[in-house]
Amino acid sequence: MTNPFEDDSADYLVLINHENQHSLWPAWREVPAGWSTVGPKGKRQECLDWIEANWTDMRPKSLIEAMGKAGQTR
């Protein structure tokens, strides 16, 4: 059986969660709770390219905010 996350011929979605973290997700699977779709629905490489171009700060949103607040108190 092919791994559903590594099938180059399948369609995928790009998901995002409340922490602004992105994930590649098989289009035929139900979107898990806490995640929503963002970006294209397409082949694996198209979605991976979109993630690479758009998710440029890998830190979770809460960490970015905490670091911003810490910088403001100095």
C-alpha atoms as a PDB file:
ATOM      1  CA  MET A   1       0.000   0.000   0.000  1.00  0.00           C
ATOM      2  CA  THR A   2       1.260   3.462  -0.908  1.00  0.00           C
ATOM      3  CA  ASN A   3       1.751   5.939   1.905  1.00  0.00           C
ATOM      4  CA  PRO A   4      -1.078   8.485   1.409  1.00  0.00           C
ATOM      5  CA  PHE A   5       1.337  11.320   2.235  1.00  0.00           C
ATOM      6  CA  GLU A   6       3.845  10.309  -0.435  1.00  0.00           C
ATOM      7  CA  ASP A   7       1.668   9.566  -3.463  1.00  0.00           C
ATOM      8  CA  ASP A   8       2.799  11.956  -6.209  1.00  0.00           C
ATOM      9  CA  SER A   9      -0.278  11.181  -8.330  1.00  0.00           C
ATOM     10  CA  ALA A  10      -2.836  11.952  -5.598  1.00  0.00           C
ATOM     11  CA  ASP A  11      -4.491  15.283  -4.840  1.00  0.00           C
ATOM     12  CA  TYR A  12      -3.607  17.079  -1.624  1.00  0.00           C
ATOM     13  CA  LEU A  13      -4.730  20.034   0.425  1.00  0.00           C
ATOM     14  CA  VAL A  14      -2.625  22.499   2.357  1.00  0.00           C
ATOM     15  CA  LEU A  15      -3.873  22.863   5.923  1.00  0.00           C
ATOM     16  CA  ILE A  16      -3.171  25.482   8.581  1.00  0.00           C
ATOM     17  CA  ASN A  17      -3.850  25.432  12.320  1.00  0.00           C
ATOM     18  CA  HIS A  18      -4.294  28.144  14.964  1.00  0.00           C
ATOM     19  CA  GLU A  19      -0.515  28.306  15.438  1.00  0.00           C
ATOM     20  CA  ASN A  20      -0.029  29.099  11.727  1.00  0.00           C
ATOM     21  CA  GLN A  21       1.599  25.704  11.207  1.00  0.00           C
ATOM     22  CA  HIS A  22       1.068  24.186   7.758  1.00  0.00           C
ATOM     23  CA  SER A  23       0.520  20.590   6.735  1.00  0.00           C
ATOM     24  CA  LEU A  24       0.133  18.577   3.554  1.00  0.00           C
ATOM     25  CA  TRP A  25      -3.060  16.495   3.680  1.00  0.00           C
ATOM     26  CA  PRO A  26      -4.589  13.929   1.299  1.00  0.00           C
ATOM     27  CA  ALA A  27      -7.627  15.580  -0.346  1.00  0.00           C
ATOM     28  CA  TRP A  28      -9.778  12.468   0.089  1.00  0.00           C
ATOM     29  CA  ARG A  29      -9.380  12.527   3.878  1.00  0.00           C
ATOM     30  CA  GLU A  30     -11.555  14.596   6.196  1.00  0.00           C
ATOM     31  CA  VAL A  31      -9.806  17.725   7.448  1.00  0.00           C
ATOM     32  CA  PRO A  32      -8.943  17.086  11.117  1.00  0.00           C
ATOM     33  CA  ALA A  33     -10.387  19.213  13.907  1.00  0.00           C
ATOM     34  CA  GLY A  34      -8.353  22.334  14.560  1.00  0.00           C
ATOM     35  CA  TRP A  35      -7.157  22.612  10.960  1.00  0.00           C
ATOM     36  CA  SER A  36      -8.539  24.483   7.951  1.00  0.00           C
ATOM     37  CA  THR A  37      -7.640  24.577   4.281  1.00  0.00           C
ATOM     38  CA  VAL A  38      -5.388  27.268   2.866  1.00  0.00           C
ATOM     39  CA  GLY A  39      -3.576  27.475  -0.458  1.00  0.00           C
ATOM     40  CA  PRO A  40      -4.098  25.175  -3.407  1.00  0.00           C
ATOM     41  CA  LYS A  41      -5.692  21.795  -3.842  1.00  0.00           C
ATOM     42  CA  GLY A  42      -3.413  19.924  -6.191  1.00  0.00           C
ATOM     43  CA  LYS A  43      -0.650  17.438  -6.693  1.00  0.00           C
ATOM     44  CA  ARG A  44       1.824  16.798  -3.899  1.00  0.00           C
ATOM     45  CA  GLN A  45       4.696  18.872  -5.292  1.00  0.00           C
ATOM     46  CA  GLU A  46       2.447  21.846  -6.096  1.00  0.00           C
ATOM     47  CA  CYS A  47       1.225  21.904  -2.488  1.00  0.00           C
ATOM     48  CA  LEU A  48       4.726  21.441  -1.074  1.00  0.00           C
ATOM     49  CA  ASP A  49       5.982  24.320  -3.243  1.00  0.00           C
ATOM     50  CA  TRP A  50       3.165  26.533  -1.962  1.00  0.00           C
ATOM     51  CA  ILE A  51       3.986  25.651   1.651  1.00  0.00           C
ATOM     52  CA  GLU A  52       7.670  26.430   1.099  1.00  0.00           C
ATOM     53  CA  ALA A  53       6.873  29.796  -0.489  1.00  0.00           C
ATOM     54  CA  ASN A  54       4.258  30.853   2.081  1.00  0.00           C
ATOM     55  CA  TRP A  55       5.281  29.346   5.428  1.00  0.00           C
ATOM     56  CA  THR A  56       8.497  31.268   5.871  1.00  0.00           C
ATOM     57  CA  ASP A  57       8.579  31.504   9.677  1.00  0.00           C
ATOM     58  CA  MET A  58       8.457  28.038  11.201  1.00  0.00           C
ATOM     59  CA  ARG A  59       7.912  29.307  14.742  1.00  0.00           C
ATOM     60  CA  PRO A  60       4.432  28.744  16.177  1.00  0.00           C
ATOM     61  CA  LYS A  61       2.281  31.892  16.279  1.00  0.00           C
ATOM     62  CA  SER A  62       2.227  31.867  20.097  1.00  0.00           C
ATOM     63  CA  LEU A  63       6.038  31.909  20.214  1.00  0.00           C
ATOM     64  CA  ILE A  64       6.225  34.787  17.733  1.00  0.00           C
ATOM     65  CA  GLU A  65       3.762  36.750  19.858  1.00  0.00           C
ATOM     66  CA  ALA A  66       5.584  35.927  23.107  1.00  0.00           C
ATOM     67  CA  MET A  67       8.925  36.965  21.630  1.00  0.00           C
ATOM     68  CA  GLY A  68       7.340  40.216  20.406  1.00  0.00           C
ATOM     69  CA  LYS A  69       5.967  40.993  23.862  1.00  0.00           C
ATOM     70  CA  ALA A  70       9.310  40.152  25.486  1.00  0.00           C
ATOM     71  CA  GLY A  71      11.041  42.575  23.105  1.00  0.00           C
ATOM     72  CA  GLN A  72       8.590  45.337  24.024  1.00  0.00           C
ATOM     73  CA  THR A  73       9.381  45.113  27.752  1.00  0.00           C
ATOM     74  CA  ARG A  74      13.071  45.844  27.345  1.00  0.00           C
END
